[in-house]
Amino acid sequence: MLIYYNMGVKTISVNDEVYRTLAQVKRADESFSDLIRRLLSAKGASLKDYFGALKDSKCLDGIDEHVRAVRSSAKVRG
């Protein structure tokens, strides 16, 4: 158990998409501060820890569109 004394509280702003992503990754027994501390201190974290974290994110649509555009503009070597 970690005990912190004289720890101040700061308010930060994140957009709704980031909040939802953090909420999906947050464990039931941890605060958002605990989550951020865990994510920042993770060394050698496995990608599977974050698998599906962006499944409902609109940024994936943009990435998919970009990949399709790059593939369609690629020239075939021959």
PDB file of N, CA and C in Angstrom:
ATOM      1  N   MET A   1       0.838  -1.184   0.000  1.00  0.00           N
ATOM      2  CA  MET A   1       0.000   0.000   0.000  1.00  0.00           C
ATOM      3  C   MET A   1       0.881   1.244   0.000  1.00  0.00           C
ATOM      4  N   LEU A   2       0.610   2.154  -0.910  1.00  0.00           N
ATOM      5  CA  LEU A   2       1.369   3.393  -0.988  1.00  0.00           C
ATOM      6  C   LEU A   2       0.640   4.482  -0.235  1.00  0.00           C
ATOM      7  N   ILE A   3       1.370   5.222   0.557  1.00  0.00           N
ATOM      8  CA  ILE A   3       0.780   6.340   1.295  1.00  0.00           C
ATOM      9  C   ILE A   3       1.515   7.601   0.878  1.00  0.00           C
ATOM     10  N   TYR A   4       0.796   8.598   0.442  1.00  0.00           N
ATOM     11  CA  TYR A   4       1.376   9.862   0.029  1.00  0.00           C
ATOM     12  C   TYR A   4       0.875  10.948   0.969  1.00  0.00           C
ATOM     13  N   TYR A   5       1.788  11.714   1.492  1.00  0.00           N
ATOM     14  CA  TYR A   5       1.447  12.820   2.368  1.00  0.00           C
ATOM     15  C   TYR A   5       1.697  14.126   1.630  1.00  0.00           C
ATOM     16  N   ASN A   6       0.904  15.130   1.956  1.00  0.00           N
ATOM     17  CA  ASN A   6       1.058  16.463   1.367  1.00  0.00           C
ATOM     18  C   ASN A   6       0.973  16.441  -0.152  1.00  0.00           C
ATOM     19  N   MET A   7       0.127  15.592  -0.678  1.00  0.00           N
ATOM     20  CA  MET A   7      -0.054  15.532  -2.118  1.00  0.00           C
ATOM     21  C   MET A   7      -1.154  16.516  -2.505  1.00  0.00           C
ATOM     22  N   GLY A   8      -0.826  17.444  -3.384  1.00  0.00           N
ATOM     23  CA  GLY A   8      -1.820  18.386  -3.858  1.00  0.00           C
ATOM     24  C   GLY A   8      -2.688  17.755  -4.922  1.00  0.00           C
ATOM     25  N   VAL A   9      -3.746  18.421  -5.262  1.00  0.00           N
ATOM     26  CA  VAL A   9      -4.644  17.953  -6.307  1.00  0.00           C
ATOM     27  C   VAL A   9      -4.619  18.971  -7.431  1.00  0.00           C
ATOM     28  N   LYS A  10      -4.471  18.493  -8.644  1.00  0.00           N
ATOM     29  CA  LYS A  10      -4.473  19.339  -9.835  1.00  0.00           C
ATOM     30  C   LYS A  10      -5.581  18.870 -10.752  1.00  0.00           C
ATOM     31  N   THR A  11      -6.187  19.790 -11.420  1.00  0.00           N
ATOM     32  CA  THR A  11      -7.225  19.477 -12.392  1.00  0.00           C
ATOM     33  C   THR A  11      -6.610  19.548 -13.782  1.00  0.00           C
ATOM     34  N   ILE A  12      -6.834  18.510 -14.576  1.00  0.00           N
ATOM     35  CA  ILE A  12      -6.379  18.515 -15.962  1.00  0.00           C
ATOM     36  C   ILE A  12      -7.590  18.322 -16.859  1.00  0.00           C
ATOM     37  N   SER A  13      -7.479  18.769 -18.079  1.00  0.00           N
ATOM     38  CA  SER A  13      -8.563  18.614 -19.041  1.00  0.00           C
ATOM     39  C   SER A  13      -8.160  17.617 -20.109  1.00  0.00           C
ATOM     40  N   VAL A  14      -9.069  16.721 -20.416  1.00  0.00           N
ATOM     41  CA  VAL A  14      -8.896  15.798 -21.527  1.00  0.00           C
ATOM     42  C   VAL A  14     -10.195  15.802 -22.312  1.00  0.00           C
ATOM     43  N   ASN A  15     -10.101  15.530 -23.611  1.00  0.00           N
ATOM     44  CA  ASN A  15     -11.341  15.509 -24.386  1.00  0.00           C
ATOM     45  C   ASN A  15     -12.127  14.230 -24.080  1.00  0.00           C
ATOM     46  N   ASP A  16     -13.363  14.185 -24.507  1.00  0.00           N
ATOM     47  CA  ASP A  16     -14.245  13.058 -24.190  1.00  0.00           C
ATOM     48  C   ASP A  16     -13.698  11.729 -24.678  1.00  0.00           C
ATOM     49  N   GLU A  17     -13.080  11.728 -25.855  1.00  0.00           N
ATOM     50  CA  GLU A  17     -12.552  10.485 -26.410  1.00  0.00           C
ATOM     51  C   GLU A  17     -11.429   9.929 -25.535  1.00  0.00           C
ATOM     52  N   VAL A  18     -10.536  10.807 -25.085  1.00  0.00           N
ATOM     53  CA  VAL A  18      -9.441  10.375 -24.209  1.00  0.00           C
ATOM     54  C   VAL A  18     -10.001   9.876 -22.881  1.00  0.00           C
ATOM     55  N   TYR A  19     -10.981  10.588 -22.343  1.00  0.00           N
ATOM     56  CA  TYR A  19     -11.591  10.164 -21.078  1.00  0.00           C
ATOM     57  C   TYR A  19     -12.193   8.764 -21.204  1.00  0.00           C
ATOM     58  N   ARG A  20     -12.941   8.538 -22.291  1.00  0.00           N
ATOM     59  CA  ARG A  20     -13.561   7.217 -22.480  1.00  0.00           C
ATOM     60  C   ARG A  20     -12.501   6.119 -22.608  1.00  0.00           C
ATOM     61  N   THR A  21     -11.412   6.429 -23.321  1.00  0.00           N
ATOM     62  CA  THR A  21     -10.340   5.457 -23.477  1.00  0.00           C
ATOM     63  C   THR A  21      -9.698   5.147 -22.131  1.00  0.00           C
ATOM     64  N   LEU A  22      -9.419   6.177 -21.348  1.00  0.00           N
ATOM     65  CA  LEU A  22      -8.849   5.959 -20.015  1.00  0.00           C
ATOM     66  C   LEU A  22      -9.811   5.169 -19.136  1.00  0.00           C
ATOM     67  N   ALA A  23     -11.093   5.496 -19.208  1.00  0.00           N
ATOM     68  CA  ALA A  23     -12.081   4.795 -18.391  1.00  0.00           C
ATOM     69  C   ALA A  23     -12.160   3.310 -18.758  1.00  0.00           C
ATOM     70  N   GLN A  24     -11.958   2.987 -20.030  1.00  0.00           N
ATOM     71  CA  GLN A  24     -11.985   1.583 -20.455  1.00  0.00           C
ATOM     72  C   GLN A  24     -10.789   0.812 -19.926  1.00  0.00           C
ATOM     73  N   VAL A  25      -9.650   1.489 -19.776  1.00  0.00           N
ATOM     74  CA  VAL A  25      -8.421   0.838 -19.341  1.00  0.00           C
ATOM     75  C   VAL A  25      -8.317   0.793 -17.813  1.00  0.00           C
ATOM     76  N   LYS A  26      -9.007   1.715 -17.156  1.00  0.00           N
ATOM     77  CA  LYS A  26      -8.931   1.827 -15.699  1.00  0.00           C
ATOM     78  C   LYS A  26      -9.501   0.586 -15.029  1.00  0.00           C
ATOM     79  N   ARG A  27      -8.785   0.102 -14.037  1.00  0.00           N
ATOM     80  CA  ARG A  27      -9.246  -1.051 -13.269  1.00  0.00           C
ATOM     81  C   ARG A  27     -10.271  -0.595 -12.240  1.00  0.00           C
ATOM     82  N   ALA A  28     -11.143  -1.489 -11.841  1.00  0.00           N
ATOM     83  CA  ALA A  28     -12.221  -1.146 -10.907  1.00  0.00           C
ATOM     84  C   ALA A  28     -11.697  -0.639  -9.569  1.00  0.00           C
ATOM     85  N   ASP A  29     -10.536  -1.132  -9.157  1.00  0.00           N
ATOM     86  CA  ASP A  29     -10.017  -0.783  -7.834  1.00  0.00           C
ATOM     87  C   ASP A  29      -9.011   0.370  -7.852  1.00  0.00           C
ATOM     88  N   GLU A  30      -8.913   1.115  -8.972  1.00  0.00           N
ATOM     89  CA  GLU A  30      -7.944   2.205  -9.014  1.00  0.00           C
ATOM     90  C   GLU A  30      -8.600   3.519  -9.412  1.00  0.00           C
ATOM     91  N   SER A  31      -8.014   4.597  -8.928  1.00  0.00           N
ATOM     92  CA  SER A  31      -8.467   5.933  -9.299  1.00  0.00           C
ATOM     93  C   SER A  31      -7.826   6.307 -10.634  1.00  0.00           C
ATOM     94  N   PHE A  32      -8.266   7.418 -11.205  1.00  0.00           N
ATOM     95  CA  PHE A  32      -7.639   7.873 -12.441  1.00  0.00           C
ATOM     96  C   PHE A  32      -6.178   8.254 -12.182  1.00  0.00           C
ATOM     97  N   SER A  33      -5.883   8.783 -11.001  1.00  0.00           N
ATOM     98  CA  SER A  33      -4.488   9.088 -10.657  1.00  0.00           C
ATOM     99  C   SER A  33      -3.664   7.810 -10.629  1.00  0.00           C
ATOM    100  N   ASP A  34      -4.218   6.762 -10.035  1.00  0.00           N
ATOM    101  CA  ASP A  34      -3.518   5.474 -10.004  1.00  0.00           C
ATOM    102  C   ASP A  34      -3.293   4.945 -11.421  1.00  0.00           C
ATOM    103  N   LEU A  35      -4.317   5.068 -12.264  1.00  0.00           N
ATOM    104  CA  LEU A  35      -4.211   4.611 -13.647  1.00  0.00           C
ATOM    105  C   LEU A  35      -3.098   5.348 -14.385  1.00  0.00           C
ATOM    106  N   ILE A  36      -3.091   6.661 -14.285  1.00  0.00           N
ATOM    107  CA  ILE A  36      -2.072   7.456 -14.984  1.00  0.00           C
ATOM    108  C   ILE A  36      -0.691   7.110 -14.455  1.00  0.00           C
ATOM    109  N   ARG A  37      -0.557   6.963 -13.145  1.00  0.00           N
ATOM    110  CA  ARG A  37       0.733   6.571 -12.558  1.00  0.00           C
ATOM    111  C   ARG A  37       1.170   5.209 -13.099  1.00  0.00           C
ATOM    112  N   ARG A  38       0.228   4.256 -13.176  1.00  0.00           N
ATOM    113  CA  ARG A  38       0.535   2.912 -13.680  1.00  0.00           C
ATOM    114  C   ARG A  38       0.978   2.973 -15.143  1.00  0.00           C
ATOM    115  N   LEU A  39       0.250   3.735 -15.963  1.00  0.00           N
ATOM    116  CA  LEU A  39       0.591   3.827 -17.378  1.00  0.00           C
ATOM    117  C   LEU A  39       1.937   4.514 -17.595  1.00  0.00           C
ATOM    118  N   LEU A  40       2.214   5.540 -16.813  1.00  0.00           N
ATOM    119  CA  LEU A  40       3.477   6.259 -16.971  1.00  0.00           C
ATOM    120  C   LEU A  40       4.668   5.464 -16.474  1.00  0.00           C
ATOM    121  N   SER A  41       4.436   4.595 -15.510  1.00  0.00           N
ATOM    122  CA  SER A  41       5.556   3.844 -14.951  1.00  0.00           C
ATOM    123  C   SER A  41       5.729   2.463 -15.572  1.00  0.00           C
ATOM    124  N   ALA A  42       4.828   2.099 -16.462  1.00  0.00           N
ATOM    125  CA  ALA A  42       4.886   0.768 -17.078  1.00  0.00           C
ATOM    126  C   ALA A  42       6.139   0.632 -17.925  1.00  0.00           C
ATOM    127  N   LYS A  43       6.956  -0.315 -17.565  1.00  0.00           N
ATOM    128  CA  LYS A  43       8.153  -0.621 -18.350  1.00  0.00           C
ATOM    129  C   LYS A  43       7.983  -2.023 -18.879  1.00  0.00           C
ATOM    130  N   GLY A  44       8.180  -2.173 -20.157  1.00  0.00           N
ATOM    131  CA  GLY A  44       8.015  -3.484 -20.754  1.00  0.00           C
ATOM    132  C   GLY A  44       6.564  -3.934 -20.798  1.00  0.00           C
ATOM    133  N   ALA A  45       5.646  -2.975 -20.824  1.00  0.00           N
ATOM    134  CA  ALA A  45       4.232  -3.320 -20.881  1.00  0.00           C
ATOM    135  C   ALA A  45       3.936  -4.031 -22.195  1.00  0.00           C
ATOM    136  N   SER A  46       3.045  -4.951 -22.138  1.00  0.00           N
ATOM    137  CA  SER A  46       2.668  -5.707 -23.321  1.00  0.00           C
ATOM    138  C   SER A  46       1.587  -4.954 -24.091  1.00  0.00           C
ATOM    139  N   LEU A  47       1.660  -5.003 -25.402  1.00  0.00           N
ATOM    140  CA  LEU A  47       0.627  -4.367 -26.210  1.00  0.00           C
ATOM    141  C   LEU A  47      -0.745  -4.970 -25.956  1.00  0.00           C
ATOM    142  N   LYS A  48      -0.783  -6.226 -25.562  1.00  0.00           N
ATOM    143  CA  LYS A  48      -2.087  -6.843 -25.331  1.00  0.00           C
ATOM    144  C   LYS A  48      -2.799  -6.223 -24.129  1.00  0.00           C
ATOM    145  N   ASP A  49      -2.069  -5.506 -23.264  1.00  0.00           N
ATOM    146  CA  ASP A  49      -2.709  -4.785 -22.161  1.00  0.00           C
ATOM    147  C   ASP A  49      -3.637  -3.696 -22.690  1.00  0.00           C
ATOM    148  N   TYR A  50      -3.342  -3.216 -23.898  1.00  0.00           N
ATOM    149  CA  TYR A  50      -4.112  -2.121 -24.475  1.00  0.00           C
ATOM    150  C   TYR A  50      -4.961  -2.560 -25.663  1.00  0.00           C
ATOM    151  N   PHE A  51      -4.999  -3.852 -25.933  1.00  0.00           N
ATOM    152  CA  PHE A  51      -5.758  -4.379 -27.060  1.00  0.00           C
ATOM    153  C   PHE A  51      -7.225  -3.984 -26.923  1.00  0.00           C
ATOM    154  N   GLY A  52      -7.771  -3.381 -27.943  1.00  0.00           N
ATOM    155  CA  GLY A  52      -9.177  -2.991 -27.946  1.00  0.00           C
ATOM    156  C   GLY A  52      -9.454  -1.640 -27.329  1.00  0.00           C
ATOM    157  N   ALA A  53      -8.445  -0.967 -26.793  1.00  0.00           N
ATOM    158  CA  ALA A  53      -8.664   0.313 -26.125  1.00  0.00           C
ATOM    159  C   ALA A  53      -9.231   1.368 -27.074  1.00  0.00           C
ATOM    160  N   LEU A  54      -8.927   1.260 -28.352  1.00  0.00           N
ATOM    161  CA  LEU A  54      -9.399   2.251 -29.323  1.00  0.00           C
ATOM    162  C   LEU A  54     -10.498   1.722 -30.235  1.00  0.00           C
ATOM    163  N   LYS A  55     -11.115   0.618 -29.861  1.00  0.00           N
ATOM    164  CA  LYS A  55     -12.070  -0.015 -30.771  1.00  0.00           C
ATOM    165  C   LYS A  55     -13.232   0.887 -31.150  1.00  0.00           C
ATOM    166  N   ASP A  56     -13.624   1.807 -30.284  1.00  0.00           N
ATOM    167  CA  ASP A  56     -14.732   2.706 -30.590  1.00  0.00           C
ATOM    168  C   ASP A  56     -14.255   4.108 -30.949  1.00  0.00           C
ATOM    169  N   SER A  57     -12.960   4.244 -31.192  1.00  0.00           N
ATOM    170  CA  SER A  57     -12.384   5.555 -31.466  1.00  0.00           C
ATOM    171  C   SER A  57     -12.548   5.928 -32.937  1.00  0.00           C
ATOM    172  N   LYS A  58     -12.927   7.170 -33.177  1.00  0.00           N
ATOM    173  CA  LYS A  58     -13.074   7.644 -34.552  1.00  0.00           C
ATOM    174  C   LYS A  58     -11.722   7.826 -35.228  1.00  0.00           C
ATOM    175  N   CYS A  59     -10.645   7.905 -34.443  1.00  0.00           N
ATOM    176  CA  CYS A  59      -9.325   8.086 -35.064  1.00  0.00           C
ATOM    177  C   CYS A  59      -8.962   6.868 -35.904  1.00  0.00           C
ATOM    178  N   LEU A  60      -9.492   5.700 -35.576  1.00  0.00           N
ATOM    179  CA  LEU A  60      -9.205   4.512 -36.383  1.00  0.00           C
ATOM    180  C   LEU A  60      -9.796   4.631 -37.782  1.00  0.00           C
ATOM    181  N   ASP A  61     -10.941   5.307 -37.902  1.00  0.00           N
ATOM    182  CA  ASP A  61     -11.534   5.520 -39.225  1.00  0.00           C
ATOM    183  C   ASP A  61     -10.596   6.350 -40.097  1.00  0.00           C
ATOM    184  N   GLY A  62      -9.998   7.375 -39.502  1.00  0.00           N
ATOM    185  CA  GLY A  62      -9.069   8.222 -40.237  1.00  0.00           C
ATOM    186  C   GLY A  62      -7.832   7.463 -40.669  1.00  0.00           C
ATOM    187  N   ILE A  63      -7.335   6.608 -39.794  1.00  0.00           N
ATOM    188  CA  ILE A  63      -6.156   5.798 -40.125  1.00  0.00           C
ATOM    189  C   ILE A  63      -6.496   4.850 -41.258  1.00  0.00           C
ATOM    190  N   ASP A  64      -7.658   4.212 -41.187  1.00  0.00           N
ATOM    191  CA  ASP A  64      -8.082   3.284 -42.233  1.00  0.00           C
ATOM    192  C   ASP A  64      -8.194   3.998 -43.577  1.00  0.00           C
ATOM    193  N   GLU A  65      -8.785   5.193 -43.577  1.00  0.00           N
ATOM    194  CA  GLU A  65      -8.914   5.957 -44.819  1.00  0.00           C
ATOM    195  C   GLU A  65      -7.539   6.309 -45.381  1.00  0.00           C
ATOM    196  N   HIS A  66      -6.626   6.696 -44.511  1.00  0.00           N
ATOM    197  CA  HIS A  66      -5.277   7.050 -44.953  1.00  0.00           C
ATOM    198  C   HIS A  66      -4.563   5.835 -45.550  1.00  0.00           C
ATOM    199  N   VAL A  67      -4.654   4.705 -44.902  1.00  0.00           N
ATOM    200  CA  VAL A  67      -4.012   3.485 -45.403  1.00  0.00           C
ATOM    201  C   VAL A  67      -4.567   3.110 -46.770  1.00  0.00           C
ATOM    202  N   ARG A  68      -5.882   3.199 -46.925  1.00  0.00           N
ATOM    203  CA  ARG A  68      -6.493   2.881 -48.226  1.00  0.00           C
ATOM    204  C   ARG A  68      -6.006   3.834 -49.319  1.00  0.00           C
ATOM    205  N   ALA A  69      -5.892   5.127 -48.974  1.00  0.00           N
ATOM    206  CA  ALA A  69      -5.431   6.114 -49.948  1.00  0.00           C
ATOM    207  C   ALA A  69      -3.988   5.848 -50.354  1.00  0.00           C
ATOM    208  N   VAL A  70      -3.144   5.510 -49.387  1.00  0.00           N
ATOM    209  CA  VAL A  70      -1.744   5.223 -49.686  1.00  0.00           C
ATOM    210  C   VAL A  70      -1.632   3.971 -50.548  1.00  0.00           C
ATOM    211  N   ARG A  71      -2.387   2.949 -50.213  1.00  0.00           N
ATOM    212  CA  ARG A  71      -2.340   1.706 -50.996  1.00  0.00           C
ATOM    213  C   ARG A  71      -2.843   1.915 -52.410  1.00  0.00           C
ATOM    214  N   SER A  72      -3.882   2.714 -52.568  1.00  0.00           N
ATOM    215  CA  SER A  72      -4.431   2.897 -53.917  1.00  0.00           C
ATOM    216  C   SER A  72      -3.503   3.758 -54.782  1.00  0.00           C
ATOM    217  N   SER A  73      -2.687   4.586 -54.151  1.00  0.00           N
ATOM    218  CA  SER A  73      -1.771   5.428 -54.933  1.00  0.00           C
ATOM    219  C   SER A  73      -0.417   4.778 -55.162  1.00  0.00           C
ATOM    220  N   ALA A  74      -0.172   3.643 -54.545  1.00  0.00           N
ATOM    221  CA  ALA A  74       1.118   2.948 -54.698  1.00  0.00           C
ATOM    222  C   ALA A  74       1.236   2.362 -56.088  1.00  0.00           C
ATOM    223  N   LYS A  75       2.415   2.436 -56.623  1.00  0.00           N
ATOM    224  CA  LYS A  75       2.677   1.861 -57.939  1.00  0.00           C
ATOM    225  C   LYS A  75       3.232   0.466 -57.755  1.00  0.00           C
ATOM    226  N   VAL A  76       2.783  -0.442 -58.593  1.00  0.00           N
ATOM    227  CA  VAL A  76       3.254  -1.824 -58.543  1.00  0.00           C
ATOM    228  C   VAL A  76       4.559  -1.916 -59.308  1.00  0.00           C
ATOM    229  N   ARG A  77       5.557  -2.513 -58.656  1.00  0.00           N
ATOM    230  CA  ARG A  77       6.851  -2.710 -59.346  1.00  0.00           C
ATOM    231  C   ARG A  77       6.732  -3.937 -60.238  1.00  0.00           C
ATOM    232  N   GLY A  78       7.330  -3.854 -61.371  1.00  0.00           N
ATOM    233  CA  GLY A  78       7.218  -5.022 -62.210  1.00  0.00           C
ATOM    234  C   GLY A  78       8.167  -5.106 -63.283  1.00  0.00           C
TER     235      GLY A  78
END
